[in-house]
C-alpha atoms as a PDB file:
ATOM      1  CA  MET A   1      71.767  86.579 101.393  1.00  0.00           C
ATOM      2  CA  ALA A   2      75.383  86.500 102.549  1.00  0.00           C
ATOM      3  CA  LYS A   3      77.054  89.894 102.999  1.00  0.00           C
ATOM      4  CA  ARG A   4      80.654  90.880 102.428  1.00  0.00           C
ATOM      5  CA  VAL A   5      82.124  91.579 105.860  1.00  0.00           C
ATOM      6  CA  PHE A   6      85.309  93.505 106.575  1.00  0.00           C
ATOM      7  CA  PHE A   7      86.941  92.237 109.802  1.00  0.00           C
ATOM      8  CA  SER A   8      88.904  94.757 111.821  1.00  0.00           C
ATOM      9  CA  PHE A   9      91.255  93.349 114.471  1.00  0.00           C
ATOM     10  CA  HIS A  10      94.578  93.665 116.242  1.00  0.00           C
ATOM     11  CA  TYR A  11      97.114  91.387 114.595  1.00  0.00           C
ATOM     12  CA  GLN A  12      98.060  89.799 117.971  1.00  0.00           C
ATOM     13  CA  ASP A  13      94.574  88.260 118.043  1.00  0.00           C
ATOM     14  CA  VAL A  14      95.406  86.468 114.775  1.00  0.00           C
ATOM     15  CA  VAL A  15      98.655  85.179 116.277  1.00  0.00           C
ATOM     16  CA  ASP A  16      96.675  83.886 119.279  1.00  0.00           C
ATOM     17  CA  PHE A  17      94.084  82.318 116.914  1.00  0.00           C
ATOM     18  CA  ARG A  18      91.119  84.130 118.491  1.00  0.00           C
ATOM     19  CA  ALA A  19      90.364  86.267 115.414  1.00  0.00           C
ATOM     20  CA  ASN A  20      90.625  83.186 113.199  1.00  0.00           C
ATOM     21  CA  VAL A  21      87.893  81.379 115.110  1.00  0.00           C
ATOM     22  CA  VAL A  22      85.407  84.116 114.142  1.00  0.00           C
ATOM     23  CA  ARG A  23      86.696  84.747 110.623  1.00  0.00           C
ATOM     24  CA  ASN A  24      86.807  81.045 109.734  1.00  0.00           C
ATOM     25  CA  HIS A  25      83.706  79.719 111.510  1.00  0.00           C
ATOM     26  CA  TRP A  26      81.906  79.545 108.150  1.00  0.00           C
ATOM     27  CA  VAL A  27      84.062  76.512 107.260  1.00  0.00           C
ATOM     28  CA  THR A  28      81.947  74.244 109.481  1.00  0.00           C
ATOM     29  CA  LYS A  29      78.642  75.568 108.094  1.00  0.00           C
ATOM     30  CA  PRO A  30      76.897  73.910 105.110  1.00  0.00           C
ATOM     31  CA  ASP A  31      77.393  76.997 102.886  1.00  0.00           C
ATOM     32  CA  ARG A  32      78.142  80.720 102.907  1.00  0.00           C
ATOM     33  CA  GLN A  33      74.438  81.583 102.962  1.00  0.00           C
ATOM     34  CA  GLU A  34      73.998  79.896 106.338  1.00  0.00           C
ATOM     35  CA  ALA A  35      77.203  81.494 107.618  1.00  0.00           C
ATOM     36  CA  GLY A  36      75.826  84.830 106.404  1.00  0.00           C
ATOM     37  CA  PHE A  37      79.076  86.381 105.211  1.00  0.00           C
ATOM     38  CA  PHE A  38      82.098  86.455 102.944  1.00  0.00           C
ATOM     39  CA  ASP A  39      85.373  87.603 104.548  1.00  0.00           C
ATOM     40  CA  ALA A  40      86.762  90.745 102.897  1.00  0.00           C
ATOM     41  CA  SER A  41      89.352  91.646 105.527  1.00  0.00           C
ATOM     42  CA  ILE A  42      93.033  92.335 104.985  1.00  0.00           C
ATOM     43  CA  TRP A  43      96.107  91.249 106.872  1.00  0.00           C
ATOM     44  CA  GLU A  44      97.855  94.096 108.690  1.00  0.00           C
ATOM     45  CA  SER A  45     101.348  94.799 107.423  1.00  0.00           C
ATOM     46  CA  SER A  46     101.946  98.255 108.892  1.00  0.00           C
ATOM     47  CA  LYS A  47     105.479  97.399 109.905  1.00  0.00           C
ATOM     48  CA  LYS A  48     106.409  97.069 106.229  1.00  0.00           C
ATOM     49  CA  THR A  49     104.103  99.731 104.834  1.00  0.00           C
ATOM     50  CA  GLY A  50     103.853 103.472 105.282  1.00  0.00           C
ATOM     51  CA  PRO A  51     100.659 105.199 106.418  1.00  0.00           C
ATOM     52  CA  ILE A  52      99.521 106.207 102.916  1.00  0.00           C
ATOM     53  CA  ALA A  53      99.956 102.691 101.537  1.00  0.00           C
ATOM     54  CA  LEU A  54      98.221 101.202 104.583  1.00  0.00           C
ATOM     55  CA  LYS A  55      95.251 103.563 104.162  1.00  0.00           C
ATOM     56  CA  ARG A  56      94.994 102.506 100.509  1.00  0.00           C
ATOM     57  CA  LEU A  57      95.106  98.852 101.559  1.00  0.00           C
ATOM     58  CA  ILE A  58      92.324  99.385 104.115  1.00  0.00           C
ATOM     59  CA  ASN A  59      90.235 101.497 101.751  1.00  0.00           C
ATOM     60  CA  GLY A  60      90.553  98.778  99.085  1.00  0.00           C
ATOM     61  CA  GLY A  61      89.606  96.096 101.595  1.00  0.00           C
ATOM     62  CA  LEU A  62      86.447  98.000 102.494  1.00  0.00           C
ATOM     63  CA  GLN A  63      85.306  98.288  98.856  1.00  0.00           C
ATOM     64  CA  ASN A  64      82.174  96.302  98.103  1.00  0.00           C
ATOM     65  CA  THR A  65      81.552  95.498 101.780  1.00  0.00           C
ATOM     66  CA  SER A  66      78.419  96.454 103.673  1.00  0.00           C
ATOM     67  CA  VAL A  67      79.387  95.373 107.196  1.00  0.00           C
ATOM     68  CA  THR A  68      82.420  95.866 109.430  1.00  0.00           C
ATOM     69  CA  ALA A  69      82.900  93.497 112.358  1.00  0.00           C
ATOM     70  CA  VAL A  70      85.450  94.747 114.895  1.00  0.00           C
ATOM     71  CA  LEU A  71      87.011  91.774 116.725  1.00  0.00           C
ATOM     72  CA  VAL A  72      87.776  93.091 120.208  1.00  0.00           C
ATOM     73  CA  GLY A  73      90.736  91.697 122.085  1.00  0.00           C
ATOM     74  CA  SER A  74      92.791  93.178 124.920  1.00  0.00           C
ATOM     75  CA  GLN A  75      94.494  95.995 122.988  1.00  0.00           C
ATOM     76  CA  THR A  76      92.149  96.482 120.003  1.00  0.00           C
ATOM     77  CA  TYR A  77      90.794  99.776 121.364  1.00  0.00           C
ATOM     78  CA  ALA A  78      94.263 101.396 121.244  1.00  0.00           C
ATOM     79  CA  ARG A  79      95.310 100.305 117.742  1.00  0.00           C
ATOM     80  CA  GLU A  80      95.649 103.276 115.369  1.00  0.00           C
ATOM     81  CA  TRP A  81      94.669 101.323 112.281  1.00  0.00           C
ATOM     82  CA  VAL A  82      91.670  99.630 113.905  1.00  0.00           C
ATOM     83  CA  ARG A  83      90.424 103.119 114.739  1.00  0.00           C
ATOM     84  CA  TYR A  84      90.957 104.133 111.123  1.00  0.00           C
ATOM     85  CA  GLU A  85      89.065 101.055 109.910  1.00  0.00           C
ATOM     86  CA  ILE A  86      86.115 101.908 112.188  1.00  0.00           C
ATOM     87  CA  VAL A  87      85.907 105.552 111.131  1.00  0.00           C
ATOM     88  CA  LYS A  88      86.435 104.711 107.444  1.00  0.00           C
ATOM     89  CA  SER A  89      83.659 102.097 107.735  1.00  0.00           C
ATOM     90  CA  ILE A  90      81.312 104.783 109.026  1.00  0.00           C
ATOM     91  CA  GLU A  91      82.366 107.092 106.218  1.00  0.00           C
ATOM     92  CA  VAL A  92      81.595 104.480 103.510  1.00  0.00           C
ATOM     93  CA  GLY A  93      78.257 103.649 105.144  1.00  0.00           C
ATOM     94  CA  ASN A  94      78.937 100.164 106.514  1.00  0.00           C
ATOM     95  CA  LYS A  95      76.935  98.688 109.342  1.00  0.00           C
ATOM     96  CA  VAL A  96      79.441  98.437 112.225  1.00  0.00           C
ATOM     97  CA  PHE A  97      79.441  96.223 115.293  1.00  0.00           C
ATOM     98  CA  GLY A  98      81.986  94.688 117.670  1.00  0.00           C
ATOM     99  CA  VAL A  99      82.580  91.172 118.955  1.00  0.00           C
ATOM    100  CA  HIS A 100      84.481  90.429 122.151  1.00  0.00           C
ATOM    101  CA  ILE A 101      86.852  87.525 121.414  1.00  0.00           C
ATOM    102  CA  ASN A 102      88.929  87.219 124.607  1.00  0.00           C
ATOM    103  CA  GLN A 103      86.659  84.467 125.938  1.00  0.00           C
ATOM    104  CA  ILE A 104      87.682  82.276 122.983  1.00  0.00           C
ATOM    105  CA  PRO A 105      90.536  80.006 124.153  1.00  0.00           C
ATOM    106  CA  ASP A 106      93.810  80.968 122.455  1.00  0.00           C
ATOM    107  CA  LYS A 107      96.347  78.532 121.003  1.00  0.00           C
ATOM    108  CA  ASN A 108      97.386  77.647 124.602  1.00  0.00           C
ATOM    109  CA  LYS A 109      93.732  77.178 125.720  1.00  0.00           C
ATOM    110  CA  VAL A 110      93.890  80.417 127.781  1.00  0.00           C
ATOM    111  CA  VAL A 111      90.977  82.862 128.009  1.00  0.00           C
ATOM    112  CA  LYS A 112      91.241  86.504 129.091  1.00  0.00           C
ATOM    113  CA  PRO A 113      88.887  89.128 130.488  1.00  0.00           C
ATOM    114  CA  HIS A 114      87.096  91.309 127.944  1.00  0.00           C
ATOM    115  CA  GLY A 115      89.186  94.039 126.360  1.00  0.00           C
ATOM    116  CA  ALA A 116      88.082  97.673 126.426  1.00  0.00           C
ATOM    117  CA  ASN A 117      85.320  98.678 124.031  1.00  0.00           C
ATOM    118  CA  PRO A 118      86.963 100.527 121.079  1.00  0.00           C
ATOM    119  CA  PHE A 119      83.694 102.415 120.535  1.00  0.00           C
ATOM    120  CA  ASP A 120      84.279 104.102 123.914  1.00  0.00           C
ATOM    121  CA  PHE A 121      87.489 105.672 122.573  1.00  0.00           C
ATOM    122  CA  LEU A 122      86.044 107.131 119.369  1.00  0.00           C
ATOM    123  CA  GLY A 123      83.356 109.736 119.203  1.00  0.00           C
ATOM    124  CA  LEU A 124      81.572 112.216 117.007  1.00  0.00           C
ATOM    125  CA  THR A 125      79.966 115.608 117.100  1.00  0.00           C
ATOM    126  CA  PHE A 126      77.022 116.262 114.834  1.00  0.00           C
ATOM    127  CA  SER A 127      77.229 119.640 113.109  1.00  0.00           C
ATOM    128  CA  ALA A 128      74.653 122.277 114.078  1.00  0.00           C
ATOM    129  CA  ASP A 129      72.601 121.406 110.969  1.00  0.00           C
ATOM    130  CA  GLY A 130      73.098 117.609 111.247  1.00  0.00           C
ATOM    131  CA  LYS A 131      74.822 117.361 107.861  1.00  0.00           C
ATOM    132  CA  LYS A 132      78.366 116.562 109.035  1.00  0.00           C
ATOM    133  CA  LEU A 133      80.056 114.397 111.610  1.00  0.00           C
ATOM    134  CA  HIS A 134      83.196 115.744 113.234  1.00  0.00           C
ATOM    135  CA  MET A 135      85.113 112.682 114.372  1.00  0.00           C
ATOM    136  CA  LEU A 136      86.920 112.510 117.723  1.00  0.00           C
ATOM    137  CA  GLU A 137      89.244 110.148 119.543  1.00  0.00           C
ATOM    138  CA  TYR A 138      90.178 109.845 123.184  1.00  0.00           C
ATOM    139  CA  ASN A 139      93.971 110.150 123.520  1.00  0.00           C
ATOM    140  CA  GLY A 140      94.119 108.922 127.130  1.00  0.00           C
ATOM    141  CA  ASN A 141      93.630 112.383 128.623  1.00  0.00           C
ATOM    142  CA  GLN A 142      91.041 114.190 126.534  1.00  0.00           C
ATOM    143  CA  TRP A 143      88.882 114.109 123.406  1.00  0.00           C
ATOM    144  CA  VAL A 144      90.689 115.493 120.357  1.00  0.00           C
ATOM    145  CA  PRO A 145      89.826 115.755 116.665  1.00  0.00           C
ATOM    146  CA  TYR A 146      90.424 112.523 114.755  1.00  0.00           C
ATOM    147  CA  ASN A 147      93.030 113.591 112.233  1.00  0.00           C
ATOM    148  CA  HIS A 148      92.892 110.742 109.693  1.00  0.00           C
ATOM    149  CA  ILE A 149      89.239 111.496 108.786  1.00  0.00           C
ATOM    150  CA  PRO A 150      88.218 114.661 110.620  1.00  0.00           C
ATOM    151  CA  THR A 151      84.803 115.178 108.951  1.00  0.00           C
ATOM    152  CA  ILE A 152      82.238 112.882 107.348  1.00  0.00           C
ATOM    153  CA  ASP A 153      79.335 114.100 105.241  1.00  0.00           C
ATOM    154  CA  VAL A 154      76.067 112.664 106.569  1.00  0.00           C
ATOM    155  CA  THR A 155      74.109 110.819 103.904  1.00  0.00           C
ATOM    156  CA  TRP A 156      71.234 109.736 106.149  1.00  0.00           C
ATOM    157  CA  ALA A 157      68.531 111.595 108.054  1.00  0.00           C
ATOM    158  CA  VAL A 158      69.751 112.654 111.506  1.00  0.00           C
ATOM    159  CA  GLN A 159      67.121 113.391 114.148  1.00  0.00           C
ATOM    160  CA  ARG A 160      67.154 117.055 115.081  1.00  0.00           C
ATOM    161  CA  THR A 161      67.778 116.164 118.769  1.00  0.00           C
ATOM    162  CA  TYR A 162      71.291 115.022 117.771  1.00  0.00           C
ATOM    163  CA  TRP A 163      72.250 118.222 115.916  1.00  0.00           C
ATOM    164  CA  GLY A 164      75.118 119.975 117.673  1.00  0.00           C
ATOM    165  CA  THR A 165      75.672 117.168 120.189  1.00  0.00           C
ATOM    166  CA  SER A 166      78.666 114.899 120.886  1.00  0.00           C
ATOM    167  CA  HIS A 167      78.607 111.175 121.606  1.00  0.00           C
ATOM    168  CA  LYS A 168      80.869 108.173 122.041  1.00  0.00           C
ATOM    169  CA  LEU A 169      80.444 105.642 119.232  1.00  0.00           C
ATOM    170  CA  SER A 170      79.387 103.137 121.877  1.00  0.00           C
ATOM    171  CA  ASN A 171      76.062 105.035 122.039  1.00  0.00           C
ATOM    172  CA  PHE A 172      75.347 103.875 118.455  1.00  0.00           C
ATOM    173  CA  TYR A 173      77.284 100.650 117.803  1.00  0.00           C
ATOM    174  CA  ARG A 174      76.620  97.281 119.465  1.00  0.00           C
ATOM    175  CA  LEU A 175      79.168  95.020 121.046  1.00  0.00           C
ATOM    176  CA  PHE A 176      78.556  91.267 121.317  1.00  0.00           C
ATOM    177  CA  CYS A 177      80.528  88.477 123.005  1.00  0.00           C
ATOM    178  CA  TRP A 178      81.450  85.532 120.775  1.00  0.00           C
ATOM    179  CA  GLN A 179      81.138  83.045 123.639  1.00  0.00           C
ATOM    180  CA  GLY A 180      78.447  84.660 125.785  1.00  0.00           C
ATOM    181  CA  ASP A 181      76.162  85.626 122.880  1.00  0.00           C
ATOM    182  CA  ASN A 182      76.729  82.359 120.973  1.00  0.00           C
ATOM    183  CA  GLY A 183      78.489  83.907 118.030  1.00  0.00           C
ATOM    184  CA  TYR A 184      78.797  80.633 116.153  1.00  0.00           C
ATOM    185  CA  GLN A 185      74.994  80.488 115.840  1.00  0.00           C
ATOM    186  CA  ASN A 186      74.196  84.213 115.854  1.00  0.00           C
ATOM    187  CA  PHE A 187      76.893  85.870 113.736  1.00  0.00           C
ATOM    188  CA  SER A 188      74.746  85.737 110.596  1.00  0.00           C
ATOM    189  CA  ASN A 189      72.014  87.626 112.489  1.00  0.00           C
ATOM    190  CA  TRP A 190      74.508  90.268 113.660  1.00  0.00           C
ATOM    191  CA  VAL A 191      75.576  90.984 110.087  1.00  0.00           C
END
């Protein structure tokens, strides 16, 4: 059954057409079931919108989704609102994974090296009883509390070995490469 997927990405990757290749690949499939997803993402308009309105837009976009696919370009890891979309996705209980898109030729047929993994720049600390996640972000010098969503109530069973420990999100969330991992064929399996 096709799932509703929220796509998180840096707007520059839309301008370069890389994000569109992933988000629109269903068009060449026989139907949405074979593609495995419906696109529930939003278009970033932060230049015209304040932080509260942008959070509402993102929160609304995540409603009724069960998966968040983070499309990873060169600067995705550093984008404030991509980080918010990742943490909010965890809070609402979405399955989260990333897809490197820099190997997709852009509008000028240029490919780039992989961008940094955004899951390496976000982290969490499990509370001593395993019932809360205290979210963290790396600010370039050190790990600091993530202020947009500092704490998430855990609604799943956390193994006792994780209680009171801190981890990068990359310890828990997978990152694929659209080209190298044959995203066109495998995206429906990833979701």
